[in-house]
Amino acid sequence: MRPVALVTGASSGIGEAFARQLSARGYGLILVARREDRLIRLANELGRAEPLVADLADAEARAIVAARIAQEPAFQLLVNNAGFGTKRRFWNADLEGQQRMHQLHVMATVDLTHAALKAMTPRGRGGVINVASVAGFARSPSNVSYCATKTWMIAFTEALALELRGAAPGVRVQALCPGFTYSEFHDVLGTDRGKIAKWLWMRAGDVVRASLDGLDAGKVIVVPGWQYRVFVTLMNHLPWKVKMAMWARSPHTRDRL
């Protein structure tokens, strides 16, 4: 039976790259996103792909997607990729938008991962990839909720890896932590790419390739790109006061009204 993967946020960027590479690996696909036209177009192009339109910030929509996971006998891989960012001080940001971010990054990951592992662990095989960010190793005064939720995704994945190590070693989990990636994510944020050094940017396809290769190798934390691996290593070793001072002075984490 052909293995099936479900990818959230599949209509563009890293999610679309996951869909294309998993299709090339022979997976049947369940593609989840809000934008129906793009989702259907991609599903038709790839073949063996089922479009499932859902806003995962909504609890009822999450329940529908979780039920679809439970119903799929060949389900083997979940990619929790859907997400978005903001650039505003927390108390000046729209509260509903901040709540939606937590629902999408945290609760959607909880609900779908629970459904996936409940199906995978009795079979003793499968995988979950949670798309976090190098921002999960940092703090930013203009991206409070984003950094916090991505930090949670990393911690959640590490704890699951410990549970699965003894209970179901054939089931793997991974926190993928990309840095600046060419996609619509930064366009939606209004990021001026010209103000960010070119050597910091990565292609979505390269990020996904590193993730899938890392999953095959059993890596729990995957940080694509040497420049970001250096950054994460520094963050793990610098004293807290030094990190706070560095983040406060960084041009990429400056307060925005």
Protein backbone atom coordinates (compact mmCIF):
# COMPACT_ATOMS: atom_id res chain seq x y z
CA MET A 1 0.00 0.00 0.00
CA ARG A 2 1.37 3.42 -0.98
CA PRO A 3 2.37 5.46 2.12
CA VAL A 4 0.34 8.62 2.72
CA ALA A 5 1.61 11.95 4.03
CA LEU A 6 -0.39 14.96 5.18
CA VAL A 7 1.17 18.40 4.73
CA THR A 8 -0.35 21.53 6.24
CA GLY A 9 0.25 24.94 4.72
CA ALA A 10 0.81 23.09 1.46
CA SER A 11 -0.27 25.79 -0.99
CA SER A 12 3.08 27.63 -1.13
CA GLY A 13 6.63 27.91 0.18
CA ILE A 14 8.08 25.17 2.35
CA GLY A 15 4.76 23.30 2.43
CA GLU A 16 4.58 23.15 -1.35
CA ALA A 17 8.21 22.01 -1.49
CA PHE A 18 7.37 19.21 0.96
CA ALA A 19 4.44 18.16 -1.23
CA ARG A 20 6.57 18.03 -4.36
CA GLN A 21 9.45 16.10 -2.80
CA LEU A 22 7.19 13.64 -0.99
CA SER A 23 5.29 13.02 -4.21
CA ALA A 24 8.61 12.30 -5.94
CA ARG A 25 9.38 9.81 -3.15
CA GLY A 26 6.18 7.92 -3.95
CA TYR A 27 3.87 9.19 -1.21
CA GLY A 28 0.18 9.68 -1.67
CA LEU A 29 -0.70 13.12 -0.32
CA ILE A 30 -3.33 14.89 1.71
CA LEU A 31 -2.70 18.60 1.19
CA VAL A 32 -4.16 21.04 3.71
CA ALA A 33 -4.37 24.82 3.34
CA ARG A 34 -6.86 27.68 3.33
CA ARG A 35 -6.44 28.75 -0.31
CA GLU A 36 -8.64 26.34 -2.25
CA ASP A 37 -7.64 27.43 -5.77
CA ARG A 38 -3.92 26.94 -5.16
CA LEU A 39 -4.48 23.71 -3.28
CA ILE A 40 -6.55 22.15 -6.06
CA ARG A 41 -4.08 23.31 -8.71
CA LEU A 42 -1.16 21.70 -6.87
CA ALA A 43 -3.11 18.49 -6.17
CA ASN A 44 -4.05 18.17 -9.84
CA GLU A 45 -0.46 18.79 -10.91
CA LEU A 46 1.04 16.20 -8.56
CA GLY A 47 -1.61 13.50 -8.86
CA ARG A 48 -2.24 11.00 -6.05
CA ALA A 49 -3.03 14.09 -3.95
CA GLU A 50 -6.20 14.97 -2.06
CA PRO A 51 -6.88 18.67 -1.38
CA LEU A 52 -8.41 19.37 2.02
CA VAL A 53 -9.33 23.01 2.58
CA ALA A 54 -9.12 23.97 6.27
CA ASP A 55 -8.20 26.88 8.50
CA LEU A 56 -6.27 25.13 11.26
CA ALA A 57 -6.64 28.09 13.60
CA ASP A 58 -10.25 26.91 13.95
CA ALA A 59 -10.92 24.01 16.33
CA GLU A 60 -13.68 22.48 14.18
CA ALA A 61 -11.42 22.46 11.13
CA ARG A 62 -8.65 20.82 13.16
CA ALA A 63 -11.06 18.10 14.23
CA ILE A 64 -11.94 17.37 10.59
CA VAL A 65 -8.28 17.06 9.61
CA ALA A 66 -7.48 14.92 12.67
CA ALA A 67 -10.38 12.61 11.76
CA ARG A 68 -9.01 12.30 8.21
CA ILE A 69 -5.68 11.19 9.64
CA ALA A 70 -7.39 8.56 11.80
CA GLN A 71 -9.30 7.22 8.79
CA GLU A 72 -6.23 6.71 6.58
CA PRO A 73 -4.89 3.13 6.90
CA ALA A 74 -1.65 3.93 5.04
CA PHE A 75 -0.86 7.12 6.96
CA GLN A 76 2.90 7.42 7.59
CA LEU A 77 3.97 11.06 7.73
CA LEU A 78 2.60 14.32 9.14
CA VAL A 79 4.20 17.66 8.31
CA ASN A 80 2.96 20.45 10.59
CA ASN A 81 4.04 23.36 8.43
CA ALA A 82 1.18 25.89 8.48
CA GLY A 83 2.10 29.14 10.17
CA PHE A 84 2.53 32.88 9.93
CA GLY A 85 4.40 35.73 11.61
CA THR A 86 3.83 39.31 12.67
CA LYS A 87 6.02 42.41 13.11
CA ARG A 88 4.57 44.46 15.94
CA ARG A 89 4.97 44.94 19.67
CA PHE A 90 2.80 42.39 21.43
CA TRP A 91 0.55 44.88 23.24
CA ASN A 92 0.03 46.92 20.05
CA ALA A 93 -0.70 43.88 17.89
CA ASP A 94 -4.20 42.71 17.10
CA LEU A 95 -5.13 40.29 19.91
CA GLU A 96 -7.18 38.06 17.63
CA GLY A 97 -4.18 37.67 15.34
CA GLN A 98 -1.94 36.71 18.24
CA GLN A 99 -4.50 34.17 19.44
CA ARG A 100 -4.77 32.72 15.92
CA MET A 101 -1.00 32.29 15.82
CA HIS A 102 -1.02 30.30 19.05
CA GLN A 103 -3.97 28.22 17.84
CA LEU A 104 -2.18 27.47 14.56
CA HIS A 105 1.36 26.89 15.80
CA VAL A 106 0.51 25.19 19.09
CA MET A 107 -2.99 23.71 19.13
CA ALA A 108 -2.97 22.53 15.51
CA THR A 109 0.38 20.83 16.16
CA VAL A 110 -1.04 19.24 19.32
CA ASP A 111 -4.27 18.01 17.74
CA LEU A 112 -2.80 16.66 14.50
CA THR A 113 0.28 15.13 16.14
CA HIS A 114 -1.94 13.36 18.68
CA ALA A 115 -4.05 11.88 15.87
CA ALA A 116 -0.95 10.90 13.89
CA LEU A 117 0.90 9.21 16.76
CA LYS A 118 -2.23 7.41 17.89
CA ALA A 119 -2.34 5.84 14.43
CA MET A 120 1.40 5.29 13.99
CA THR A 121 2.57 3.89 17.32
CA PRO A 122 0.57 0.63 17.15
CA ARG A 123 2.03 0.04 13.67
CA GLY A 124 5.54 0.88 14.88
CA ARG A 125 6.42 3.14 11.94
CA GLY A 126 5.87 6.65 10.67
CA GLY A 127 7.03 10.18 11.31
CA VAL A 128 6.05 13.71 12.30
CA ILE A 129 7.88 16.83 11.14
CA ASN A 130 7.10 20.02 13.04
CA VAL A 131 8.28 23.06 11.10
CA ALA A 132 9.64 25.37 13.78
CA SER A 133 12.30 28.03 13.12
CA VAL A 134 15.72 29.22 14.21
CA ALA A 135 13.59 31.93 15.85
CA GLY A 136 12.75 29.25 18.40
CA PHE A 137 16.31 29.61 19.70
CA ALA A 138 16.04 33.40 19.95
CA ARG A 139 13.83 36.16 21.32
CA SER A 140 12.63 39.15 19.35
CA PRO A 141 10.91 42.27 20.70
CA SER A 142 8.81 42.49 17.54
CA ASN A 143 7.91 38.82 17.21
CA VAL A 144 7.05 37.72 20.74
CA SER A 145 4.36 35.16 19.93
CA TYR A 146 6.22 33.80 16.93
CA CYS A 147 9.44 33.10 18.85
CA ALA A 148 7.50 31.71 21.82
CA THR A 149 5.39 29.30 19.77
CA LYS A 150 8.37 28.09 17.74
CA THR A 151 10.31 27.50 20.98
CA TRP A 152 7.36 25.45 22.19
CA MET A 153 7.36 23.39 18.98
CA ILE A 154 11.02 22.50 19.49
CA ALA A 155 10.51 21.51 23.15
CA PHE A 156 7.36 19.54 22.28
CA THR A 157 9.21 17.60 19.60
CA GLU A 158 12.19 16.82 21.83
CA ALA A 159 9.91 15.49 24.58
CA LEU A 160 7.99 13.33 22.10
CA ALA A 161 11.28 11.89 20.85
CA LEU A 162 12.10 10.80 24.39
CA GLU A 163 8.70 9.11 24.78
CA LEU A 164 8.92 7.35 21.44
CA ARG A 165 12.48 6.14 21.97
CA GLY A 166 11.30 3.43 24.33
CA ALA A 167 7.67 2.98 23.30
CA ALA A 168 7.82 3.05 19.48
CA PRO A 169 11.38 3.51 18.15
CA GLY A 170 10.18 3.04 14.57
CA VAL A 171 8.19 6.29 14.81
CA ARG A 172 10.34 9.37 14.36
CA VAL A 173 9.72 13.03 15.15
CA GLN A 174 11.64 16.07 14.01
CA ALA A 175 11.69 19.81 14.63
CA LEU A 176 12.77 21.51 11.40
CA CYS A 177 14.31 24.91 12.16
CA PRO A 178 14.88 26.95 9.01
CA GLY A 179 16.14 30.51 8.83
CA PHE A 180 15.36 33.03 6.09
CA THR A 181 13.79 31.07 3.25
CA TYR A 182 12.62 32.27 -0.15
CA SER A 183 8.82 32.00 0.15
CA GLU A 184 5.70 34.11 0.54
CA PHE A 185 6.13 34.08 4.33
CA HIS A 186 8.40 37.13 4.37
CA ASP A 187 6.49 38.81 1.55
CA VAL A 188 3.33 38.72 3.66
CA LEU A 189 5.30 40.24 6.54
CA GLY A 190 6.50 43.02 4.27
CA THR A 191 10.15 42.09 4.76
CA ASP A 192 12.58 44.00 2.55
CA ARG A 193 14.85 41.23 1.30
CA GLY A 194 17.41 43.79 0.20
CA LYS A 195 18.14 44.60 3.84
CA ILE A 196 19.06 41.00 4.62
CA ALA A 197 22.38 39.55 3.43
CA LYS A 198 21.98 37.17 0.48
CA TRP A 199 24.05 34.48 2.16
CA LEU A 200 21.36 34.17 4.85
CA TRP A 201 18.65 33.16 2.37
CA MET A 202 17.90 29.54 1.51
CA ARG A 203 15.66 27.89 -1.07
CA ALA A 204 12.59 26.05 0.17
CA GLY A 205 13.58 22.93 -1.75
CA ASP A 206 16.96 22.78 -0.01
CA VAL A 207 15.32 23.22 3.40
CA VAL A 208 12.92 20.35 2.71
CA ARG A 209 15.66 18.10 1.36
CA ALA A 210 17.64 18.61 4.57
CA SER A 211 14.54 17.81 6.60
CA LEU A 212 13.70 14.57 4.81
CA ASP A 213 17.33 13.42 4.82
CA GLY A 214 17.44 14.22 8.54
CA LEU A 215 14.27 12.24 9.18
CA ASP A 216 15.76 9.24 7.38
CA ALA A 217 18.82 9.55 9.63
CA GLY A 218 16.73 9.87 12.80
CA LYS A 219 17.71 13.49 13.58
CA VAL A 220 15.34 15.13 16.06
CA ILE A 221 16.53 18.72 15.42
CA VAL A 222 17.36 19.74 11.85
CA VAL A 223 18.80 23.19 11.17
CA PRO A 224 19.43 23.63 7.42
CA GLY A 225 22.40 25.76 6.42
CA TRP A 226 25.84 26.07 8.04
CA GLN A 227 25.18 29.72 8.92
CA TYR A 228 22.14 28.80 11.01
CA ARG A 229 23.85 25.85 12.65
CA VAL A 230 26.57 28.26 13.82
CA PHE A 231 23.87 30.62 15.12
CA VAL A 232 22.08 27.87 17.06
CA THR A 233 25.35 26.61 18.54
CA LEU A 234 26.12 30.12 19.79
CA MET A 235 22.63 30.53 21.24
CA ASN A 236 23.03 27.29 23.16
CA HIS A 237 26.30 28.39 24.76
CA LEU A 238 26.13 32.15 25.31
CA PRO A 239 25.11 33.47 28.76
CA TRP A 240 21.52 34.69 28.98
CA LYS A 241 22.50 38.34 29.59
CA VAL A 242 24.75 38.35 26.53
CA LYS A 243 21.99 36.88 24.36
CA MET A 244 19.45 39.43 25.59
CA ALA A 245 21.80 42.31 24.79
CA MET A 246 22.54 40.87 21.34
CA TRP A 247 18.85 40.38 20.47
CA ALA A 248 17.99 43.89 21.62
CA ARG A 249 20.60 45.42 19.30
CA SER A 250 19.98 43.25 16.25
CA PRO A 251 18.57 45.20 13.27
CA HIS A 252 16.26 42.25 12.52
CA THR A 253 14.65 42.28 15.97
CA ARG A 254 14.21 46.01 16.47
CA ASP A 255 10.94 47.16 18.06
CA ARG A 256 8.23 48.18 15.61
CA LEU A 257 5.27 50.31 16.54
